[in-house]
Amino acid sequence: MIWKLTAAAWAALIFYLSTAGFGGSFTEWLLGQVFTFLHISVSPVTFELVHHLMRKSAHMTEYAIFGMLLYGSSRHKRPFDWHPRRALICVAIAAAYSLTDEFHQRFVPGRGPSLWDCGIDTIGATLGVLVFYLRQVWHEGESTIAD
C-alpha cells in the first residue's frame, strides 16, 4: 500500500513541477545561482546547453523514479522480481501520465506541451523499471557464483 501512495504522491509532485513556478526561467535562475556560488563562468551558449541538458535530465529522472514506484506497487508476493509484462504496463502508465502532464502544460502560462518531453519521460520510466531487471540479473549471477 505504501508503494501505491508514494507513486500517487510522486505523480502529484510531477504535476506540481509542471506549473509556471518551475518553468525555464526558474531553472535558468537556479542554475545561474549554482554557477555563481561555485564561481563557474561559462559562455552564454554553454550556459544554455547545460540548462537544456539539466531540464531534460530532470524529466528523465523524475519519470525513472515514477516507473520504479509503479513497478514496486505490485500485489505480488515478491514485488521486486522481474516480470516483463508488468514492466511494460508500468512504462505504459508512465507514458500516458506524461501525455496528460504535457496536455496540462498547454494551459499553464510560460509552459508548453512537448512530445519530445513525453519521449524523454518514457525513456526515463523504461530505465527505472529496468533497474528491477538488472537487480534480478545481479542476484542470479550471485547465486551462480555461490553454487
N, C-alpha and C. Protein backbone atom coordinates (compact mmCIF):
# COMPACT_ATOMS: atom_id res chain seq x y z
N MET A 1 0.82 -1.20 0.00
CA MET A 1 0.00 0.00 0.00
C MET A 1 0.87 1.27 0.00
N ILE A 2 1.99 1.20 0.71
CA ILE A 2 2.87 2.37 0.80
C ILE A 2 3.44 2.74 -0.56
N TRP A 3 3.72 1.72 -1.39
CA TRP A 3 4.25 1.99 -2.73
C TRP A 3 3.21 2.71 -3.58
N LYS A 4 1.96 2.30 -3.48
CA LYS A 4 0.90 2.94 -4.26
C LYS A 4 0.73 4.40 -3.83
N LEU A 5 0.75 4.64 -2.52
CA LEU A 5 0.61 6.01 -2.02
C LEU A 5 1.81 6.86 -2.44
N THR A 6 2.99 6.27 -2.40
CA THR A 6 4.19 7.01 -2.80
C THR A 6 4.16 7.31 -4.30
N ALA A 7 3.70 6.34 -5.11
CA ALA A 7 3.58 6.58 -6.56
C ALA A 7 2.58 7.70 -6.83
N ALA A 8 1.46 7.70 -6.10
CA ALA A 8 0.45 8.76 -6.28
C ALA A 8 1.02 10.11 -5.85
N ALA A 9 1.75 10.12 -4.75
CA ALA A 9 2.36 11.38 -4.29
C ALA A 9 3.40 11.87 -5.29
N TRP A 10 4.15 10.93 -5.88
CA TRP A 10 5.15 11.32 -6.88
C TRP A 10 4.46 11.89 -8.12
N ALA A 11 3.36 11.29 -8.52
CA ALA A 11 2.60 11.81 -9.67
C ALA A 11 2.12 13.24 -9.37
N ALA A 12 1.69 13.46 -8.14
CA ALA A 12 1.26 14.81 -7.75
C ALA A 12 2.44 15.78 -7.79
N LEU A 13 3.61 15.33 -7.37
CA LEU A 13 4.80 16.18 -7.43
C LEU A 13 5.15 16.53 -8.88
N ILE A 14 5.07 15.55 -9.77
CA ILE A 14 5.32 15.81 -11.19
C ILE A 14 4.35 16.87 -11.70
N PHE A 15 3.08 16.74 -11.33
CA PHE A 15 2.07 17.71 -11.74
C PHE A 15 2.43 19.10 -11.20
N TYR A 16 2.83 19.16 -9.95
CA TYR A 16 3.20 20.43 -9.33
C TYR A 16 4.41 21.06 -10.02
N LEU A 17 5.39 20.23 -10.38
CA LEU A 17 6.59 20.74 -11.05
C LEU A 17 6.29 21.24 -12.46
N SER A 18 5.10 20.92 -12.96
CA SER A 18 4.70 21.37 -14.30
C SER A 18 3.97 22.71 -14.27
N THR A 19 3.95 23.34 -13.12
CA THR A 19 3.30 24.64 -13.02
C THR A 19 4.26 25.74 -13.45
N ALA A 20 3.74 26.95 -13.55
CA ALA A 20 4.52 28.08 -14.04
C ALA A 20 5.74 28.36 -13.15
N GLY A 21 5.65 28.07 -11.87
CA GLY A 21 6.74 28.37 -10.96
C GLY A 21 8.02 27.60 -11.23
N PHE A 22 7.91 26.49 -11.97
CA PHE A 22 9.08 25.67 -12.25
C PHE A 22 9.43 25.64 -13.73
N GLY A 23 9.10 26.69 -14.43
CA GLY A 23 9.39 26.80 -15.86
C GLY A 23 10.86 27.07 -16.11
N GLY A 24 11.16 27.31 -17.36
CA GLY A 24 12.54 27.54 -17.79
C GLY A 24 13.19 28.73 -17.13
N SER A 25 12.43 29.78 -16.86
CA SER A 25 13.04 30.96 -16.24
C SER A 25 13.50 30.66 -14.82
N PHE A 26 12.73 29.84 -14.10
CA PHE A 26 13.14 29.48 -12.74
C PHE A 26 14.40 28.63 -12.75
N THR A 27 14.42 27.60 -13.60
CA THR A 27 15.60 26.73 -13.62
C THR A 27 16.82 27.46 -14.17
N GLU A 28 16.60 28.41 -15.06
CA GLU A 28 17.71 29.24 -15.56
C GLU A 28 18.29 30.07 -14.42
N TRP A 29 17.42 30.67 -13.62
CA TRP A 29 17.86 31.44 -12.46
C TRP A 29 18.59 30.54 -11.48
N LEU A 30 18.02 29.35 -11.19
CA LEU A 30 18.62 28.43 -10.23
C LEU A 30 20.01 27.98 -10.67
N LEU A 31 20.14 27.63 -11.95
CA LEU A 31 21.44 27.22 -12.47
C LEU A 31 22.44 28.38 -12.38
N GLY A 32 21.98 29.58 -12.68
CA GLY A 32 22.85 30.75 -12.56
C GLY A 32 23.33 30.94 -11.13
N GLN A 33 22.45 30.72 -10.16
CA GLN A 33 22.83 30.84 -8.75
C GLN A 33 23.87 29.79 -8.37
N VAL A 34 23.68 28.57 -8.86
CA VAL A 34 24.64 27.50 -8.58
C VAL A 34 26.00 27.85 -9.19
N PHE A 35 26.00 28.30 -10.43
CA PHE A 35 27.26 28.68 -11.08
C PHE A 35 27.94 29.82 -10.33
N THR A 36 27.17 30.79 -9.89
CA THR A 36 27.73 31.92 -9.14
C THR A 36 28.33 31.44 -7.83
N PHE A 37 27.61 30.59 -7.11
CA PHE A 37 28.08 30.06 -5.84
C PHE A 37 29.39 29.28 -6.01
N LEU A 38 29.48 28.52 -7.10
CA LEU A 38 30.67 27.70 -7.36
C LEU A 38 31.76 28.46 -8.12
N HIS A 39 31.51 29.75 -8.40
CA HIS A 39 32.46 30.59 -9.13
C HIS A 39 32.78 29.99 -10.51
N ILE A 40 31.73 29.55 -11.19
CA ILE A 40 31.89 28.99 -12.53
C ILE A 40 31.39 30.02 -13.53
N SER A 41 32.20 30.26 -14.53
CA SER A 41 31.82 31.21 -15.57
C SER A 41 31.87 30.48 -16.92
N VAL A 42 30.77 30.54 -17.64
CA VAL A 42 30.70 29.90 -18.96
C VAL A 42 30.09 30.88 -19.95
N SER A 43 30.29 30.58 -21.22
CA SER A 43 29.70 31.43 -22.25
C SER A 43 28.18 31.26 -22.25
N PRO A 44 27.46 32.23 -22.79
CA PRO A 44 26.00 32.10 -22.87
C PRO A 44 25.55 30.84 -23.62
N VAL A 45 26.28 30.48 -24.66
CA VAL A 45 25.92 29.27 -25.43
C VAL A 45 26.09 28.03 -24.56
N THR A 46 27.19 27.95 -23.82
CA THR A 46 27.43 26.81 -22.94
C THR A 46 26.39 26.78 -21.83
N PHE A 47 26.06 27.95 -21.28
CA PHE A 47 25.04 28.01 -20.23
C PHE A 47 23.71 27.46 -20.74
N GLU A 48 23.30 27.87 -21.92
CA GLU A 48 22.04 27.40 -22.48
C GLU A 48 22.06 25.89 -22.71
N LEU A 49 23.19 25.36 -23.15
CA LEU A 49 23.32 23.92 -23.36
C LEU A 49 23.20 23.17 -22.03
N VAL A 50 23.92 23.64 -21.01
CA VAL A 50 23.86 23.00 -19.69
C VAL A 50 22.44 23.10 -19.13
N HIS A 51 21.82 24.24 -19.30
CA HIS A 51 20.45 24.44 -18.82
C HIS A 51 19.49 23.47 -19.52
N HIS A 52 19.62 23.34 -20.82
CA HIS A 52 18.77 22.42 -21.58
C HIS A 52 18.98 20.98 -21.10
N LEU A 53 20.23 20.57 -20.96
CA LEU A 53 20.54 19.21 -20.51
C LEU A 53 20.03 18.97 -19.09
N MET A 54 20.12 19.99 -18.24
CA MET A 54 19.63 19.87 -16.88
C MET A 54 18.11 19.64 -16.87
N ARG A 55 17.40 20.40 -17.67
CA ARG A 55 15.94 20.26 -17.70
C ARG A 55 15.52 18.89 -18.26
N LYS A 56 16.20 18.43 -19.29
CA LYS A 56 15.83 17.13 -19.89
C LYS A 56 16.21 15.97 -18.98
N SER A 57 17.34 16.10 -18.29
CA SER A 57 17.71 15.02 -17.36
C SER A 57 16.77 15.01 -16.15
N ALA A 58 16.22 16.17 -15.80
CA ALA A 58 15.22 16.21 -14.73
C ALA A 58 13.97 15.43 -15.15
N HIS A 59 13.54 15.62 -16.40
CA HIS A 59 12.41 14.85 -16.92
C HIS A 59 12.69 13.35 -16.79
N MET A 60 13.85 12.95 -17.26
CA MET A 60 14.19 11.54 -17.27
C MET A 60 14.25 10.98 -15.84
N THR A 61 14.84 11.74 -14.94
CA THR A 61 14.99 11.28 -13.56
C THR A 61 13.64 11.16 -12.86
N GLU A 62 12.79 12.18 -13.00
CA GLU A 62 11.52 12.11 -12.29
C GLU A 62 10.65 10.97 -12.80
N TYR A 63 10.75 10.65 -14.08
CA TYR A 63 9.96 9.53 -14.62
C TYR A 63 10.63 8.18 -14.36
N ALA A 64 11.94 8.14 -14.20
CA ALA A 64 12.60 6.89 -13.79
C ALA A 64 12.13 6.51 -12.39
N ILE A 65 12.08 7.49 -11.51
CA ILE A 65 11.59 7.24 -10.15
C ILE A 65 10.12 6.84 -10.19
N PHE A 66 9.33 7.52 -11.00
CA PHE A 66 7.91 7.18 -11.13
C PHE A 66 7.74 5.75 -11.63
N GLY A 67 8.50 5.36 -12.64
CA GLY A 67 8.42 3.99 -13.16
C GLY A 67 8.77 2.97 -12.09
N MET A 68 9.80 3.26 -11.29
CA MET A 68 10.18 2.35 -10.21
C MET A 68 9.09 2.25 -9.16
N LEU A 69 8.48 3.36 -8.82
CA LEU A 69 7.41 3.35 -7.83
C LEU A 69 6.20 2.57 -8.35
N LEU A 70 5.88 2.75 -9.62
CA LEU A 70 4.77 1.99 -10.20
C LEU A 70 5.07 0.50 -10.17
N TYR A 71 6.28 0.13 -10.53
CA TYR A 71 6.66 -1.29 -10.56
C TYR A 71 6.60 -1.89 -9.15
N GLY A 72 7.06 -1.15 -8.17
CA GLY A 72 7.04 -1.64 -6.79
C GLY A 72 5.66 -1.71 -6.18
N SER A 73 4.66 -1.13 -6.87
CA SER A 73 3.29 -1.12 -6.36
C SER A 73 2.54 -2.43 -6.58
N SER A 74 3.22 -3.43 -7.07
CA SER A 74 2.58 -4.70 -7.40
C SER A 74 2.03 -5.40 -6.16
N ARG A 75 1.01 -6.22 -6.38
CA ARG A 75 0.44 -7.01 -5.29
C ARG A 75 1.09 -8.39 -5.19
N HIS A 76 2.07 -8.65 -6.02
CA HIS A 76 2.73 -9.96 -5.99
C HIS A 76 3.40 -10.18 -4.64
N LYS A 77 3.58 -11.44 -4.29
CA LYS A 77 4.27 -11.78 -3.05
C LYS A 77 5.71 -11.28 -3.07
N ARG A 78 6.31 -11.31 -4.26
CA ARG A 78 7.68 -10.82 -4.42
C ARG A 78 7.65 -9.69 -5.46
N PRO A 79 7.29 -8.48 -5.02
CA PRO A 79 7.03 -7.39 -5.97
C PRO A 79 8.25 -6.89 -6.74
N PHE A 80 9.45 -7.25 -6.31
CA PHE A 80 10.64 -6.73 -6.97
C PHE A 80 11.24 -7.71 -7.96
N ASP A 81 10.64 -8.89 -8.10
CA ASP A 81 11.10 -9.83 -9.12
C ASP A 81 10.73 -9.29 -10.50
N TRP A 82 11.52 -9.65 -11.50
CA TRP A 82 11.33 -9.14 -12.85
C TRP A 82 10.17 -9.85 -13.53
N HIS A 83 9.23 -9.04 -14.03
CA HIS A 83 8.10 -9.52 -14.82
C HIS A 83 7.96 -8.59 -16.03
N PRO A 84 8.35 -9.04 -17.23
CA PRO A 84 8.33 -8.15 -18.40
C PRO A 84 6.96 -7.52 -18.67
N ARG A 85 5.90 -8.29 -18.50
CA ARG A 85 4.56 -7.75 -18.77
C ARG A 85 4.24 -6.61 -17.81
N ARG A 86 4.55 -6.80 -16.54
CA ARG A 86 4.32 -5.75 -15.55
C ARG A 86 5.17 -4.53 -15.87
N ALA A 87 6.41 -4.76 -16.30
CA ALA A 87 7.29 -3.64 -16.66
C ALA A 87 6.68 -2.83 -17.80
N LEU A 88 6.17 -3.53 -18.80
CA LEU A 88 5.55 -2.86 -19.94
C LEU A 88 4.32 -2.06 -19.51
N ILE A 89 3.53 -2.63 -18.63
CA ILE A 89 2.34 -1.92 -18.14
C ILE A 89 2.75 -0.66 -17.38
N CYS A 90 3.78 -0.77 -16.55
CA CYS A 90 4.25 0.39 -15.78
C CYS A 90 4.78 1.50 -16.70
N VAL A 91 5.52 1.11 -17.71
CA VAL A 91 6.03 2.10 -18.67
C VAL A 91 4.86 2.74 -19.42
N ALA A 92 3.85 1.95 -19.79
CA ALA A 92 2.68 2.49 -20.49
C ALA A 92 1.92 3.47 -19.60
N ILE A 93 1.78 3.15 -18.32
CA ILE A 93 1.10 4.06 -17.39
C ILE A 93 1.89 5.36 -17.27
N ALA A 94 3.20 5.25 -17.12
CA ALA A 94 4.03 6.45 -17.01
C ALA A 94 3.96 7.29 -18.29
N ALA A 95 3.97 6.62 -19.44
CA ALA A 95 3.89 7.34 -20.72
C ALA A 95 2.55 8.06 -20.84
N ALA A 96 1.48 7.38 -20.45
CA ALA A 96 0.15 8.00 -20.51
C ALA A 96 0.09 9.20 -19.55
N TYR A 97 0.66 9.05 -18.37
CA TYR A 97 0.68 10.17 -17.43
C TYR A 97 1.49 11.33 -17.98
N SER A 98 2.58 11.01 -18.66
CA SER A 98 3.39 12.05 -19.27
C SER A 98 2.59 12.84 -20.30
N LEU A 99 1.80 12.13 -21.09
CA LEU A 99 0.95 12.81 -22.08
C LEU A 99 -0.04 13.75 -21.40
N THR A 100 -0.65 13.29 -20.31
CA THR A 100 -1.61 14.16 -19.61
C THR A 100 -0.90 15.35 -18.99
N ASP A 101 0.33 15.13 -18.51
CA ASP A 101 1.09 16.22 -17.91
C ASP A 101 1.45 17.27 -18.97
N GLU A 102 1.85 16.82 -20.13
CA GLU A 102 2.15 17.77 -21.21
C GLU A 102 0.89 18.50 -21.66
N PHE A 103 -0.24 17.81 -21.68
CA PHE A 103 -1.51 18.46 -22.01
C PHE A 103 -1.82 19.54 -20.98
N HIS A 104 -1.59 19.23 -19.72
CA HIS A 104 -1.78 20.20 -18.64
C HIS A 104 -0.93 21.45 -18.87
N GLN A 105 0.31 21.24 -19.33
CA GLN A 105 1.21 22.38 -19.53
C GLN A 105 0.74 23.30 -20.65
N ARG A 106 -0.11 22.79 -21.49
CA ARG A 106 -0.66 23.62 -22.57
C ARG A 106 -1.43 24.81 -22.01
N PHE A 107 -1.97 24.64 -20.81
CA PHE A 107 -2.80 25.68 -20.20
C PHE A 107 -2.07 26.47 -19.12
N VAL A 108 -0.79 26.21 -18.95
CA VAL A 108 -0.01 26.89 -17.92
C VAL A 108 0.78 28.02 -18.57
N PRO A 109 0.59 29.27 -18.09
CA PRO A 109 1.35 30.39 -18.66
C PRO A 109 2.86 30.15 -18.53
N GLY A 110 3.57 30.39 -19.62
CA GLY A 110 5.01 30.22 -19.63
C GLY A 110 5.48 28.79 -19.87
N ARG A 111 4.56 27.88 -20.00
CA ARG A 111 4.90 26.47 -20.26
C ARG A 111 4.24 26.08 -21.58
N GLY A 112 4.61 24.94 -22.10
CA GLY A 112 4.02 24.45 -23.33
C GLY A 112 4.19 22.95 -23.44
N PRO A 113 3.33 22.31 -24.21
CA PRO A 113 3.44 20.85 -24.36
C PRO A 113 4.56 20.48 -25.32
N SER A 114 5.13 19.30 -25.11
CA SER A 114 6.20 18.82 -25.97
C SER A 114 6.15 17.30 -26.06
N LEU A 115 5.99 16.79 -27.26
CA LEU A 115 6.03 15.34 -27.44
C LEU A 115 7.45 14.81 -27.21
N TRP A 116 8.45 15.65 -27.46
CA TRP A 116 9.83 15.25 -27.16
C TRP A 116 9.97 14.94 -25.67
N ASP A 117 9.39 15.81 -24.85
CA ASP A 117 9.46 15.59 -23.41
C ASP A 117 8.75 14.29 -23.03
N CYS A 118 7.64 13.98 -23.69
CA CYS A 118 6.96 12.70 -23.44
C CYS A 118 7.88 11.53 -23.76
N GLY A 119 8.61 11.65 -24.84
CA GLY A 119 9.57 10.60 -25.20
C GLY A 119 10.66 10.46 -24.16
N ILE A 120 11.18 11.59 -23.70
CA ILE A 120 12.22 11.56 -22.66
C ILE A 120 11.66 10.96 -21.37
N ASP A 121 10.43 11.34 -21.03
CA ASP A 121 9.78 10.79 -19.83
C ASP A 121 9.64 9.27 -19.94
N THR A 122 9.23 8.81 -21.11
CA THR A 122 9.03 7.36 -21.32
C THR A 122 10.36 6.62 -21.26
N ILE A 123 11.40 7.20 -21.81
CA ILE A 123 12.73 6.58 -21.69
C ILE A 123 13.13 6.51 -20.22
N GLY A 124 12.86 7.56 -19.48
CA GLY A 124 13.17 7.56 -18.05
C GLY A 124 12.42 6.47 -17.31
N ALA A 125 11.12 6.33 -17.58
CA ALA A 125 10.33 5.28 -16.93
C ALA A 125 10.86 3.89 -17.30
N THR A 126 11.25 3.73 -18.55
CA THR A 126 11.81 2.45 -19.00
C THR A 126 13.10 2.14 -18.24
N LEU A 127 13.98 3.13 -18.13
CA LEU A 127 15.22 2.92 -17.38
C LEU A 127 14.93 2.60 -15.92
N GLY A 128 13.91 3.24 -15.37
CA GLY A 128 13.54 2.98 -13.97
C GLY A 128 13.10 1.55 -13.75
N VAL A 129 12.23 1.03 -14.61
CA VAL A 129 11.77 -0.35 -14.41
C VAL A 129 12.87 -1.35 -14.74
N LEU A 130 13.80 -0.98 -15.61
CA LEU A 130 14.91 -1.88 -15.93
C LEU A 130 15.83 -2.11 -14.73
N VAL A 131 15.76 -1.24 -13.74
CA VAL A 131 16.52 -1.45 -12.51
C VAL A 131 16.13 -2.79 -11.89
N PHE A 132 14.86 -3.14 -11.96
CA PHE A 132 14.41 -4.40 -11.38
C PHE A 132 14.92 -5.60 -12.18
N TYR A 133 15.03 -5.42 -13.50
CA TYR A 133 15.62 -6.47 -14.33
C TYR A 133 17.10 -6.65 -13.97
N LEU A 134 17.82 -5.57 -13.87
CA LEU A 134 19.24 -5.63 -13.53
C LEU A 134 19.45 -6.21 -12.14
N ARG A 135 18.54 -5.89 -11.23
CA ARG A 135 18.60 -6.46 -9.88
C ARG A 135 18.49 -7.97 -9.94
N GLN A 136 17.56 -8.46 -10.73
CA GLN A 136 17.38 -9.91 -10.84
C GLN A 136 18.59 -10.56 -11.49
N VAL A 137 19.10 -9.96 -12.56
CA VAL A 137 20.29 -10.50 -13.22
C VAL A 137 21.45 -10.54 -12.23
N TRP A 138 21.61 -9.48 -11.44
CA TRP A 138 22.68 -9.42 -10.45
C TRP A 138 22.53 -10.55 -9.43
N HIS A 139 21.30 -10.75 -8.91
CA HIS A 139 21.09 -11.79 -7.91
C HIS A 139 21.26 -13.19 -8.49
N GLU A 140 20.86 -13.38 -9.73
CA GLU A 140 21.07 -14.69 -10.37
C GLU A 140 22.55 -14.95 -10.55
N GLY A 141 23.32 -13.92 -10.88
CA GLY A 141 24.77 -14.07 -11.01
C GLY A 141 25.42 -14.40 -9.69
N GLU A 142 24.94 -13.79 -8.61
CA GLU A 142 25.47 -14.08 -7.29
C GLU A 142 25.20 -15.52 -6.88
N SER A 143 23.99 -16.01 -7.17
CA SER A 143 23.66 -17.39 -6.79
C SER A 143 24.46 -18.39 -7.62
N THR A 144 24.77 -18.03 -8.87
CA THR A 144 25.59 -18.90 -9.72
C THR A 144 27.01 -18.98 -9.16
N ILE A 145 27.52 -17.86 -8.72
CA ILE A 145 28.87 -17.82 -8.17
C ILE A 145 28.92 -18.60 -6.85
N ALA A 146 27.87 -18.48 -6.02
CA ALA A 146 27.84 -19.16 -4.74
C ALA A 146 27.73 -20.67 -4.89
N ASP A 147 27.15 -21.13 -6.00
CA ASP A 147 26.99 -22.58 -6.21
C ASP A 147 28.25 -23.19 -6.59
